[in-house]
């Protein structure tokens, strides 16, 4: 799996931007098949930083209805990547 298949996109929300500023933690949507070591290697190579820790969350797709038709949104995985002290946090969210 390439680094661009592991990391899908940054999650730019109020909570994600606040964690980035206060705790040096990046919030990313990643591939559901990716494990923590693949995520760590992809972030270190893509952003050229050192990673302290990686935490992951599996989000299940919600039931969505449109009239009498129903279906599920796709399942997805989120990763919180904490950078080591002294590392420059990449700027992908300009507020």
Protein backbone atom coordinates (compact mmCIF):
# COMPACT_ATOMS: atom_id res chain seq x y z
CA UNK A 1 0.00 0.00 0.00
CA UNK A 2 1.42 3.43 -0.95
CA UNK A 3 1.36 6.42 1.40
CA UNK A 4 -1.42 7.98 -0.67
CA UNK A 5 -3.56 4.87 -0.25
CA UNK A 6 -2.95 4.83 3.52
CA UNK A 7 -3.76 8.53 4.12
CA UNK A 8 -6.96 9.60 2.39
CA UNK A 9 -7.46 13.17 3.61
CA UNK A 10 -7.04 15.44 6.62
CA UNK A 11 -10.14 15.98 8.76
CA UNK A 12 -10.60 19.73 9.11
CA UNK A 13 -13.16 20.27 11.87
CA UNK A 14 -13.20 22.52 14.92
CA UNK A 15 -12.08 19.65 17.13
CA UNK A 16 -9.35 18.57 14.71
CA UNK A 17 -7.92 22.08 14.32
CA UNK A 18 -8.01 22.62 18.11
CA UNK A 19 -6.13 19.35 18.75
CA UNK A 20 -3.60 20.32 16.10
CA UNK A 21 -2.89 23.69 17.70
CA UNK A 22 -2.96 22.63 21.37
CA UNK A 23 -1.60 19.07 21.35
CA UNK A 24 0.44 18.82 18.08
CA UNK A 25 -1.98 16.09 16.94
CA UNK A 26 -3.04 15.56 13.32
CA UNK A 27 -6.51 14.18 12.59
CA UNK A 28 -6.60 12.14 9.37
CA UNK A 29 -8.98 9.84 7.51
CA UNK A 30 -7.07 6.68 6.66
CA UNK A 31 -7.71 3.43 4.86
CA UNK A 32 -9.69 0.91 6.97
CA UNK A 33 -7.06 -1.75 6.15
CA UNK A 34 -4.12 0.38 7.36
CA UNK A 35 -2.50 -0.42 10.69
CA UNK A 36 -0.69 1.93 13.07
CA UNK A 37 2.82 1.21 11.75
CA UNK A 38 1.73 1.91 8.15
CA UNK A 39 0.06 5.16 9.26
CA UNK A 40 3.19 6.21 11.19
CA UNK A 41 5.47 5.52 8.21
CA UNK A 42 3.15 7.32 5.77
CA UNK A 43 2.90 10.47 7.94
CA UNK A 44 6.65 10.58 8.55
CA UNK A 45 7.40 10.23 4.84
CA UNK A 46 4.66 12.56 3.55
CA UNK A 47 5.01 15.44 6.04
CA UNK A 48 8.74 14.88 6.92
CA UNK A 49 8.12 14.88 10.68
CA UNK A 50 8.72 12.44 13.56
CA UNK A 51 5.67 10.73 15.10
CA UNK A 52 5.32 10.10 18.83
CA UNK A 53 2.11 8.01 18.85
CA UNK A 54 -0.83 6.92 16.69
CA UNK A 55 -4.38 6.26 17.87
CA UNK A 56 -7.09 4.92 15.57
CA UNK A 57 -10.90 4.90 15.61
CA UNK A 58 -13.16 2.72 13.44
CA UNK A 59 -16.37 4.57 12.61
CA UNK A 60 -19.34 2.50 11.48
CA UNK A 61 -21.54 3.85 8.71
CA UNK A 62 -24.87 5.30 9.80
CA UNK A 63 -28.26 4.19 8.53
CA UNK A 64 -29.55 6.82 6.08
CA UNK A 65 -33.11 6.93 4.72
CA UNK A 66 -34.64 8.71 1.77
CA UNK A 67 -38.36 8.06 1.93
CA UNK A 68 -38.94 4.33 1.81
CA UNK A 69 -35.40 3.58 0.64
CA UNK A 70 -32.71 2.95 3.23
CA UNK A 71 -29.01 2.18 3.16
CA UNK A 72 -25.82 2.55 5.11
CA UNK A 73 -23.02 5.04 4.71
CA UNK A 74 -19.62 3.43 4.26
CA UNK A 75 -17.46 2.51 7.27
CA UNK A 76 -14.30 4.60 7.67
CA UNK A 77 -11.25 4.90 9.90
CA UNK A 78 -9.81 7.96 11.63
CA UNK A 79 -6.28 8.34 13.00
CA UNK A 80 -4.98 10.79 15.59
CA UNK A 81 -1.23 11.19 15.01
CA UNK A 82 0.73 12.96 17.76
CA UNK A 83 4.00 14.56 16.70
CA UNK A 84 7.16 14.64 18.79
CA UNK A 85 8.15 17.80 20.65
CA UNK A 86 9.99 20.28 18.46
CA UNK A 87 8.45 19.04 15.21
CA UNK A 88 6.81 21.60 12.91
CA UNK A 89 3.08 20.94 12.48
CA UNK A 90 2.08 20.93 8.77
CA UNK A 91 -0.40 23.63 7.76
CA UNK A 92 -3.21 22.02 5.78
CA UNK A 93 -6.02 23.88 7.60
CA UNK A 94 -5.91 27.64 7.16
CA UNK A 95 -8.59 29.18 9.38
